[in-house]
Amino acid sequence: MDRASPPTRADYRVLYEIPTRWLDNDIYGHVNNVNYYSYFDTAIAHFLIGEGGLDPWRDPIVGFCVESGCRFHRGIRFPDRVTAGLRVTKVGRSSVRWEIGIFRNDEHEAAADGHFVHVFVERAKERPAPVPPPIRAALARLLVASDQSSP
C-alpha cells in the first residue's frame, strides 16, 4: 500500500499551539496515540468557541463527533511544542468534516494528520440540527477542496 506524504503547515487555514504535558508520554517515551485525538478536539474547540461563537455550556445546538481517524508519521515527546493545523473539507446541512495536522516543534511536515466529523445536534433531544449560521460562516473560512488521500 502506498502511503501519502504528510501534509505541511501550508495545507491548513489556521494553526493553534498546544503544549505537551509530562503525562502525555507513555511507557515507550513518546506521546501516546490517544492524546493526538485530544489535540484534534482542543484545536477544533478553540476554533468553534473563538471564531464560531459557540458557547459549549449553554448553546442549544452543539457538535458531536461521529467519526475520527489519525495517521501517524513520526513521534512527539514531552516537552515538544505541538501545533495543530485546521481545515474543513465538507460542510453539510448538519455536519462538518475537519482535517487536522499535528506538527512537532518547527517541523514543516505533519507528525500526524487526521479527521473529525461533527454532526450538530439539538442538545436537549440529541437529534441532528442545521449548523448554526455563525458557525457555518466561520467554517466557510476554513473550507478547502477535499483531499482524497486523507483518511
N, C-alpha and C. Protein backbone atom coordinates (compact mmCIF):
# COMPACT_ATOMS: atom_id res chain seq x y z
N MET A 1 0.84 -1.18 0.00
CA MET A 1 0.00 0.00 0.00
C MET A 1 0.88 1.24 0.00
N ASP A 2 0.64 2.14 -0.93
CA ASP A 2 1.36 3.41 -0.97
C ASP A 2 0.80 4.33 0.09
N ARG A 3 1.70 5.05 0.73
CA ARG A 3 1.30 5.96 1.78
C ARG A 3 1.53 7.38 1.30
N ALA A 4 0.52 8.22 1.44
CA ALA A 4 0.62 9.61 1.03
C ALA A 4 1.64 10.34 1.90
N SER A 5 2.29 11.33 1.31
CA SER A 5 3.22 12.16 2.07
C SER A 5 2.46 12.92 3.14
N PRO A 6 3.12 13.22 4.26
CA PRO A 6 2.45 14.01 5.29
C PRO A 6 2.11 15.40 4.77
N PRO A 7 0.99 15.96 5.20
CA PRO A 7 0.67 17.34 4.82
C PRO A 7 1.67 18.30 5.46
N THR A 8 1.67 19.52 4.97
CA THR A 8 2.56 20.56 5.51
C THR A 8 1.74 21.66 6.18
N ARG A 9 2.41 22.51 6.91
CA ARG A 9 1.72 23.62 7.58
C ARG A 9 0.91 24.47 6.60
N ALA A 10 1.44 24.64 5.38
CA ALA A 10 0.77 25.47 4.38
C ALA A 10 -0.56 24.88 3.92
N ASP A 11 -0.80 23.61 4.22
CA ASP A 11 -2.06 22.96 3.82
C ASP A 11 -3.24 23.32 4.72
N TYR A 12 -3.00 24.04 5.79
CA TYR A 12 -4.05 24.35 6.77
C TYR A 12 -4.32 25.84 6.82
N ARG A 13 -5.56 26.19 7.15
CA ARG A 13 -6.01 27.60 7.15
C ARG A 13 -5.70 28.34 8.45
N VAL A 14 -5.65 27.59 9.57
CA VAL A 14 -5.40 28.21 10.87
C VAL A 14 -4.55 27.24 11.69
N LEU A 15 -3.69 27.79 12.56
CA LEU A 15 -2.80 26.99 13.38
C LEU A 15 -2.95 27.39 14.84
N TYR A 16 -2.96 26.39 15.73
CA TYR A 16 -3.04 26.62 17.17
C TYR A 16 -1.91 25.86 17.86
N GLU A 17 -1.21 26.54 18.76
CA GLU A 17 -0.17 25.86 19.54
C GLU A 17 -0.81 25.22 20.76
N ILE A 18 -0.41 23.96 21.02
CA ILE A 18 -0.93 23.20 22.16
C ILE A 18 0.27 22.62 22.90
N PRO A 19 0.47 22.97 24.16
CA PRO A 19 1.64 22.43 24.87
C PRO A 19 1.48 20.94 25.18
N THR A 20 2.57 20.21 25.06
CA THR A 20 2.54 18.83 25.53
C THR A 20 2.69 18.86 27.04
N ARG A 21 2.27 17.77 27.67
CA ARG A 21 2.37 17.64 29.12
C ARG A 21 3.16 16.38 29.45
N TRP A 22 3.77 16.36 30.60
CA TRP A 22 4.53 15.19 31.04
C TRP A 22 3.67 13.93 30.94
N LEU A 23 2.41 14.03 31.34
CA LEU A 23 1.55 12.85 31.36
C LEU A 23 1.12 12.40 29.97
N ASP A 24 1.41 13.18 28.93
CA ASP A 24 1.11 12.75 27.56
C ASP A 24 1.99 11.59 27.12
N ASN A 25 3.21 11.50 27.68
CA ASN A 25 4.13 10.43 27.31
C ASN A 25 3.66 9.09 27.86
N ASP A 26 3.90 8.04 27.09
CA ASP A 26 3.58 6.70 27.57
C ASP A 26 4.86 5.98 27.99
N ILE A 27 4.77 4.75 28.33
CA ILE A 27 5.91 3.98 28.82
C ILE A 27 7.02 3.87 27.78
N TYR A 28 6.69 4.05 26.50
CA TYR A 28 7.69 3.97 25.44
C TYR A 28 8.42 5.29 25.23
N GLY A 29 8.02 6.33 25.98
CA GLY A 29 8.71 7.61 25.91
C GLY A 29 8.25 8.56 24.84
N HIS A 30 7.06 8.33 24.29
CA HIS A 30 6.51 9.27 23.31
C HIS A 30 5.04 9.53 23.64
N VAL A 31 4.51 10.58 23.02
CA VAL A 31 3.11 10.92 23.24
C VAL A 31 2.25 9.75 22.78
N ASN A 32 1.39 9.29 23.67
CA ASN A 32 0.52 8.16 23.38
C ASN A 32 -0.51 8.54 22.32
N ASN A 33 -0.88 7.55 21.50
CA ASN A 33 -1.78 7.81 20.38
C ASN A 33 -3.09 8.47 20.78
N VAL A 34 -3.64 8.15 21.92
CA VAL A 34 -4.93 8.72 22.31
C VAL A 34 -4.85 10.24 22.48
N ASN A 35 -3.68 10.75 22.82
CA ASN A 35 -3.53 12.18 23.03
C ASN A 35 -3.65 12.98 21.74
N TYR A 36 -3.35 12.37 20.60
CA TYR A 36 -3.50 13.08 19.33
C TYR A 36 -4.96 13.46 19.11
N TYR A 37 -5.87 12.58 19.51
CA TYR A 37 -7.30 12.90 19.38
C TYR A 37 -7.68 14.06 20.30
N SER A 38 -7.03 14.14 21.44
CA SER A 38 -7.25 15.27 22.34
C SER A 38 -6.75 16.56 21.70
N TYR A 39 -5.60 16.50 21.03
CA TYR A 39 -5.10 17.68 20.32
C TYR A 39 -6.08 18.10 19.23
N PHE A 40 -6.61 17.12 18.49
CA PHE A 40 -7.60 17.43 17.45
C PHE A 40 -8.79 18.18 18.08
N ASP A 41 -9.33 17.58 19.13
CA ASP A 41 -10.52 18.12 19.79
C ASP A 41 -10.26 19.51 20.36
N THR A 42 -9.08 19.71 20.94
CA THR A 42 -8.71 21.00 21.52
C THR A 42 -8.64 22.09 20.45
N ALA A 43 -8.00 21.79 19.31
CA ALA A 43 -7.89 22.78 18.24
C ALA A 43 -9.28 23.14 17.70
N ILE A 44 -10.11 22.13 17.49
CA ILE A 44 -11.47 22.38 16.99
C ILE A 44 -12.27 23.22 17.98
N ALA A 45 -12.16 22.90 19.26
CA ALA A 45 -12.88 23.67 20.29
C ALA A 45 -12.41 25.13 20.30
N HIS A 46 -11.10 25.35 20.20
CA HIS A 46 -10.59 26.74 20.14
C HIS A 46 -11.24 27.48 18.98
N PHE A 47 -11.31 26.83 17.82
CA PHE A 47 -11.90 27.48 16.66
C PHE A 47 -13.39 27.73 16.85
N LEU A 48 -14.14 26.72 17.26
CA LEU A 48 -15.59 26.87 17.41
C LEU A 48 -15.96 27.95 18.43
N ILE A 49 -15.23 27.98 19.53
CA ILE A 49 -15.52 28.97 20.57
C ILE A 49 -15.03 30.36 20.15
N GLY A 50 -13.78 30.45 19.68
CA GLY A 50 -13.18 31.74 19.36
C GLY A 50 -13.67 32.35 18.07
N GLU A 51 -13.90 31.54 17.05
CA GLU A 51 -14.28 32.06 15.73
C GLU A 51 -15.76 31.86 15.41
N GLY A 52 -16.35 30.78 15.92
CA GLY A 52 -17.74 30.48 15.62
C GLY A 52 -18.72 30.96 16.66
N GLY A 53 -18.20 31.43 17.81
CA GLY A 53 -19.08 31.95 18.86
C GLY A 53 -19.80 30.88 19.66
N LEU A 54 -19.36 29.63 19.56
CA LEU A 54 -20.01 28.55 20.31
C LEU A 54 -19.85 28.74 21.81
N ASP A 55 -20.94 28.58 22.53
CA ASP A 55 -20.92 28.51 23.99
C ASP A 55 -21.24 27.06 24.34
N PRO A 56 -20.20 26.24 24.57
CA PRO A 56 -20.44 24.81 24.76
C PRO A 56 -21.24 24.46 26.00
N TRP A 57 -21.37 25.39 26.93
CA TRP A 57 -22.11 25.12 28.16
C TRP A 57 -23.58 25.50 28.06
N ARG A 58 -23.95 26.41 27.13
CA ARG A 58 -25.31 26.89 27.10
C ARG A 58 -26.02 26.82 25.75
N ASP A 59 -25.28 26.76 24.65
CA ASP A 59 -25.93 26.78 23.34
C ASP A 59 -26.86 25.58 23.16
N PRO A 60 -28.02 25.80 22.53
CA PRO A 60 -28.96 24.70 22.31
C PRO A 60 -28.51 23.73 21.20
N ILE A 61 -27.59 24.18 20.34
CA ILE A 61 -27.07 23.34 19.26
C ILE A 61 -25.58 23.14 19.51
N VAL A 62 -25.14 21.88 19.55
CA VAL A 62 -23.73 21.55 19.81
C VAL A 62 -23.28 20.47 18.82
N GLY A 63 -21.98 20.31 18.67
CA GLY A 63 -21.44 19.33 17.75
C GLY A 63 -21.01 18.06 18.47
N PHE A 64 -21.43 16.90 17.94
CA PHE A 64 -20.99 15.60 18.45
C PHE A 64 -20.04 14.98 17.42
N CYS A 65 -18.94 14.44 17.88
CA CYS A 65 -18.03 13.72 17.00
C CYS A 65 -18.64 12.35 16.69
N VAL A 66 -18.83 12.06 15.40
CA VAL A 66 -19.41 10.78 15.00
C VAL A 66 -18.42 9.90 14.24
N GLU A 67 -17.26 10.48 13.90
CA GLU A 67 -16.23 9.71 13.19
C GLU A 67 -14.90 10.41 13.39
N SER A 68 -13.83 9.63 13.54
CA SER A 68 -12.50 10.21 13.64
C SER A 68 -11.47 9.21 13.15
N GLY A 69 -10.31 9.73 12.79
CA GLY A 69 -9.22 8.87 12.36
C GLY A 69 -7.91 9.63 12.43
N CYS A 70 -6.81 8.89 12.53
CA CYS A 70 -5.49 9.51 12.64
C CYS A 70 -4.45 8.64 11.94
N ARG A 71 -3.55 9.29 11.19
CA ARG A 71 -2.38 8.64 10.58
C ARG A 71 -1.14 9.21 11.25
N PHE A 72 -0.27 8.33 11.69
CA PHE A 72 0.95 8.75 12.38
C PHE A 72 2.13 8.68 11.43
N HIS A 73 2.97 9.72 11.45
CA HIS A 73 4.14 9.78 10.58
C HIS A 73 5.45 9.74 11.37
N ARG A 74 5.48 10.38 12.54
CA ARG A 74 6.66 10.36 13.40
C ARG A 74 6.23 10.74 14.81
N GLY A 75 7.05 10.37 15.78
CA GLY A 75 6.69 10.57 17.18
C GLY A 75 6.89 11.99 17.69
N ILE A 76 6.18 12.26 18.75
CA ILE A 76 6.29 13.51 19.51
C ILE A 76 6.55 13.11 20.95
N ARG A 77 7.33 13.91 21.67
CA ARG A 77 7.63 13.65 23.08
C ARG A 77 7.49 14.93 23.88
N PHE A 78 7.11 14.82 25.14
CA PHE A 78 7.22 15.94 26.05
C PHE A 78 8.71 16.23 26.21
N PRO A 79 9.17 17.45 26.15
CA PRO A 79 8.46 18.73 26.15
C PRO A 79 8.33 19.38 24.78
N ASP A 80 8.15 18.59 23.71
CA ASP A 80 7.98 19.16 22.37
C ASP A 80 6.82 20.15 22.37
N ARG A 81 6.91 21.11 21.45
CA ARG A 81 5.80 22.02 21.18
C ARG A 81 4.96 21.40 20.07
N VAL A 82 3.66 21.42 20.23
CA VAL A 82 2.75 20.90 19.23
C VAL A 82 1.96 22.06 18.63
N THR A 83 1.84 22.04 17.31
CA THR A 83 0.96 22.98 16.62
C THR A 83 -0.05 22.16 15.86
N ALA A 84 -1.32 22.51 16.00
CA ALA A 84 -2.40 21.83 15.29
C ALA A 84 -2.90 22.74 14.19
N GLY A 85 -2.92 22.23 12.96
CA GLY A 85 -3.48 22.96 11.83
C GLY A 85 -4.88 22.45 11.55
N LEU A 86 -5.78 23.37 11.18
CA LEU A 86 -7.17 23.02 10.88
C LEU A 86 -7.55 23.44 9.47
N ARG A 87 -8.36 22.61 8.85
CA ARG A 87 -9.03 22.96 7.61
C ARG A 87 -10.36 22.19 7.60
N VAL A 88 -11.27 22.61 6.75
CA VAL A 88 -12.58 21.96 6.59
C VAL A 88 -12.69 21.53 5.14
N THR A 89 -13.12 20.28 4.92
CA THR A 89 -13.27 19.81 3.54
C THR A 89 -14.72 19.61 3.13
N LYS A 90 -15.63 19.64 4.09
CA LYS A 90 -17.05 19.50 3.73
C LYS A 90 -17.92 20.09 4.82
N VAL A 91 -18.91 20.86 4.41
CA VAL A 91 -19.93 21.36 5.33
C VAL A 91 -21.27 20.96 4.74
N GLY A 92 -22.01 20.16 5.49
CA GLY A 92 -23.34 19.74 5.07
C GLY A 92 -24.40 20.53 5.81
N ARG A 93 -25.63 20.07 5.75
CA ARG A 93 -26.73 20.74 6.46
C ARG A 93 -26.49 20.73 7.96
N SER A 94 -26.07 19.57 8.49
CA SER A 94 -25.89 19.46 9.94
C SER A 94 -24.50 18.92 10.31
N SER A 95 -23.62 18.78 9.33
CA SER A 95 -22.33 18.16 9.63
C SER A 95 -21.17 18.95 9.04
N VAL A 96 -19.98 18.64 9.56
CA VAL A 96 -18.73 19.23 9.06
C VAL A 96 -17.64 18.18 9.15
N ARG A 97 -16.79 18.14 8.14
CA ARG A 97 -15.60 17.28 8.18
C ARG A 97 -14.39 18.19 8.34
N TRP A 98 -13.73 18.01 9.48
CA TRP A 98 -12.49 18.72 9.80
C TRP A 98 -11.31 17.84 9.41
N GLU A 99 -10.24 18.46 8.96
CA GLU A 99 -8.96 17.76 8.81
C GLU A 99 -7.95 18.52 9.65
N ILE A 100 -7.13 17.76 10.35
CA ILE A 100 -6.21 18.33 11.33
C ILE A 100 -4.82 17.79 11.09
N GLY A 101 -3.83 18.66 11.14
CA GLY A 101 -2.43 18.26 11.08
C GLY A 101 -1.77 18.58 12.41
N ILE A 102 -0.96 17.67 12.90
CA ILE A 102 -0.23 17.87 14.16
C ILE A 102 1.26 17.99 13.83
N PHE A 103 1.84 19.11 14.20
CA PHE A 103 3.23 19.41 13.87
C PHE A 103 4.08 19.48 15.13
N ARG A 104 5.28 18.90 15.05
CA ARG A 104 6.23 18.87 16.18
C ARG A 104 7.21 20.03 16.03
N ASN A 105 7.32 20.80 17.11
CA ASN A 105 8.24 21.94 17.17
C ASN A 105 8.09 22.79 15.91
N ASP A 106 9.18 23.04 15.18
CA ASP A 106 9.10 23.89 13.99
C ASP A 106 9.11 23.08 12.69
N GLU A 107 8.82 21.77 12.77
CA GLU A 107 8.87 20.93 11.58
C GLU A 107 7.80 21.35 10.57
N HIS A 108 8.16 21.23 9.31
CA HIS A 108 7.30 21.65 8.20
C HIS A 108 6.23 20.60 7.88
N GLU A 109 6.60 19.31 7.98
CA GLU A 109 5.65 18.23 7.69
C GLU A 109 4.99 17.74 8.98
N ALA A 110 3.75 17.30 8.84
CA ALA A 110 2.98 16.84 10.00
C ALA A 110 3.57 15.57 10.59
N ALA A 111 3.58 15.50 11.91
CA ALA A 111 3.94 14.28 12.63
C ALA A 111 2.75 13.31 12.59
N ALA A 112 1.55 13.86 12.48
CA ALA A 112 0.32 13.07 12.37
C ALA A 112 -0.73 13.94 11.68
N ASP A 113 -1.68 13.29 11.03
CA ASP A 113 -2.81 14.03 10.48
C ASP A 113 -4.05 13.15 10.58
N GLY A 114 -5.18 13.79 10.63
CA GLY A 114 -6.41 13.03 10.78
C GLY A 114 -7.64 13.83 10.47
N HIS A 115 -8.77 13.28 10.88
CA HIS A 115 -10.04 13.95 10.62
C HIS A 115 -11.01 13.72 11.77
N PHE A 116 -11.96 14.61 11.87
CA PHE A 116 -13.11 14.52 12.77
C PHE A 116 -14.33 14.85 11.92
N VAL A 117 -15.42 14.14 12.12
CA VAL A 117 -16.70 14.54 11.54
C VAL A 117 -17.60 14.88 12.72
N HIS A 118 -18.10 16.10 12.72
CA HIS A 118 -19.06 16.54 13.72
C HIS A 118 -20.45 16.60 13.10
N VAL A 119 -21.44 16.16 13.84
CA VAL A 119 -22.83 16.38 13.49
C VAL A 119 -23.38 17.32 14.56
N PHE A 120 -23.98 18.40 14.12
CA PHE A 120 -24.59 19.34 15.05
C PHE A 120 -25.96 18.82 15.43
N VAL A 121 -26.26 18.87 16.73
CA VAL A 121 -27.49 18.31 17.27
C VAL A 121 -28.14 19.29 18.24
N GLU A 122 -29.45 19.11 18.40
CA GLU A 122 -30.15 19.82 19.47
C GLU A 122 -29.70 19.18 20.78
N ARG A 123 -29.18 19.98 21.66
CA ARG A 123 -28.65 19.46 22.93
C ARG A 123 -29.70 18.65 23.68
N ALA A 124 -30.91 19.16 23.78
CA ALA A 124 -31.94 18.51 24.59
C ALA A 124 -32.40 17.18 24.00
N LYS A 125 -32.51 17.09 22.69
CA LYS A 125 -33.06 15.89 22.05
C LYS A 125 -31.99 14.99 21.42
N GLU A 126 -30.78 15.54 21.26
CA GLU A 126 -29.68 14.82 20.60
C GLU A 126 -30.09 14.35 19.21
N ARG A 127 -30.78 15.21 18.49
CA ARG A 127 -31.20 14.95 17.11
C ARG A 127 -30.50 15.95 16.20
N PRO A 128 -30.15 15.56 14.96
CA PRO A 128 -29.45 16.47 14.05
C PRO A 128 -30.19 17.79 13.88
N ALA A 129 -29.39 18.84 13.76
CA ALA A 129 -29.91 20.20 13.57
C ALA A 129 -29.00 20.92 12.60
N PRO A 130 -29.51 21.92 11.90
CA PRO A 130 -28.66 22.68 10.98
C PRO A 130 -27.48 23.33 11.71
N VAL A 131 -26.34 23.41 11.00
CA VAL A 131 -25.18 24.10 11.55
C VAL A 131 -25.61 25.55 11.82
N PRO A 132 -25.41 26.06 13.05
CA PRO A 132 -25.81 27.44 13.34
C PRO A 132 -25.11 28.43 12.38
N PRO A 133 -25.82 29.47 11.93
CA PRO A 133 -25.26 30.41 10.96
C PRO A 133 -23.89 31.01 11.34
N PRO A 134 -23.65 31.43 12.60
CA PRO A 134 -22.32 31.98 12.89
C PRO A 134 -21.20 30.94 12.75
N ILE A 135 -21.51 29.70 13.10
CA ILE A 135 -20.52 28.63 12.95
C ILE A 135 -20.32 28.31 11.48
N ARG A 136 -21.42 28.26 10.72
CA ARG A 136 -21.31 27.99 9.27
C ARG A 136 -20.43 29.06 8.61
N ALA A 137 -20.61 30.32 8.98
CA ALA A 137 -19.79 31.39 8.40
C ALA A 137 -18.31 31.21 8.76
N ALA A 138 -18.04 30.83 10.00
CA ALA A 138 -16.65 30.60 10.42
C ALA A 138 -16.05 29.41 9.67
N LEU A 139 -16.83 28.34 9.51
CA LEU A 139 -16.35 27.15 8.80
C LEU A 139 -16.01 27.47 7.36
N ALA A 140 -16.77 28.36 6.74
CA ALA A 140 -16.53 28.72 5.34
C ALA A 140 -15.12 29.28 5.15
N ARG A 141 -14.58 29.93 6.18
CA ARG A 141 -13.22 30.50 6.09
C ARG A 141 -12.15 29.41 6.08
N LEU A 142 -12.49 28.20 6.54
CA LEU A 142 -11.51 27.10 6.58
C LEU A 142 -11.71 26.11 5.43
N LEU A 143 -12.73 26.31 4.62
CA LEU A 143 -13.10 25.34 3.59
C LEU A 143 -12.06 25.28 2.48
N VAL A 144 -11.62 24.06 2.17
CA VAL A 144 -10.70 23.78 1.07
C VAL A 144 -11.27 22.64 0.25
N ALA A 145 -10.73 22.43 -0.94
CA ALA A 145 -11.14 21.28 -1.74
C ALA A 145 -10.76 20.01 -1.02
N SER A 146 -11.59 19.00 -1.12
CA SER A 146 -11.34 17.72 -0.45
C SER A 146 -10.10 17.06 -1.00
N ASP A 147 -9.30 16.49 -0.09
CA ASP A 147 -8.08 15.76 -0.45
C ASP A 147 -8.37 14.27 -0.31
N GLN A 148 -8.41 13.57 -1.42
CA GLN A 148 -8.79 12.15 -1.41
C GLN A 148 -7.80 11.27 -0.65
N SER A 149 -6.56 11.76 -0.39
CA SER A 149 -5.57 10.94 0.30
C SER A 149 -5.76 10.96 1.80
N SER A 150 -6.57 11.88 2.31
CA SER A 150 -6.78 11.96 3.76
C SER A 150 -7.71 10.87 4.20
N PRO A 151 -7.55 10.45 5.47
CA PRO A 151 -8.43 9.39 5.99
C PRO A 151 -9.86 9.87 6.12
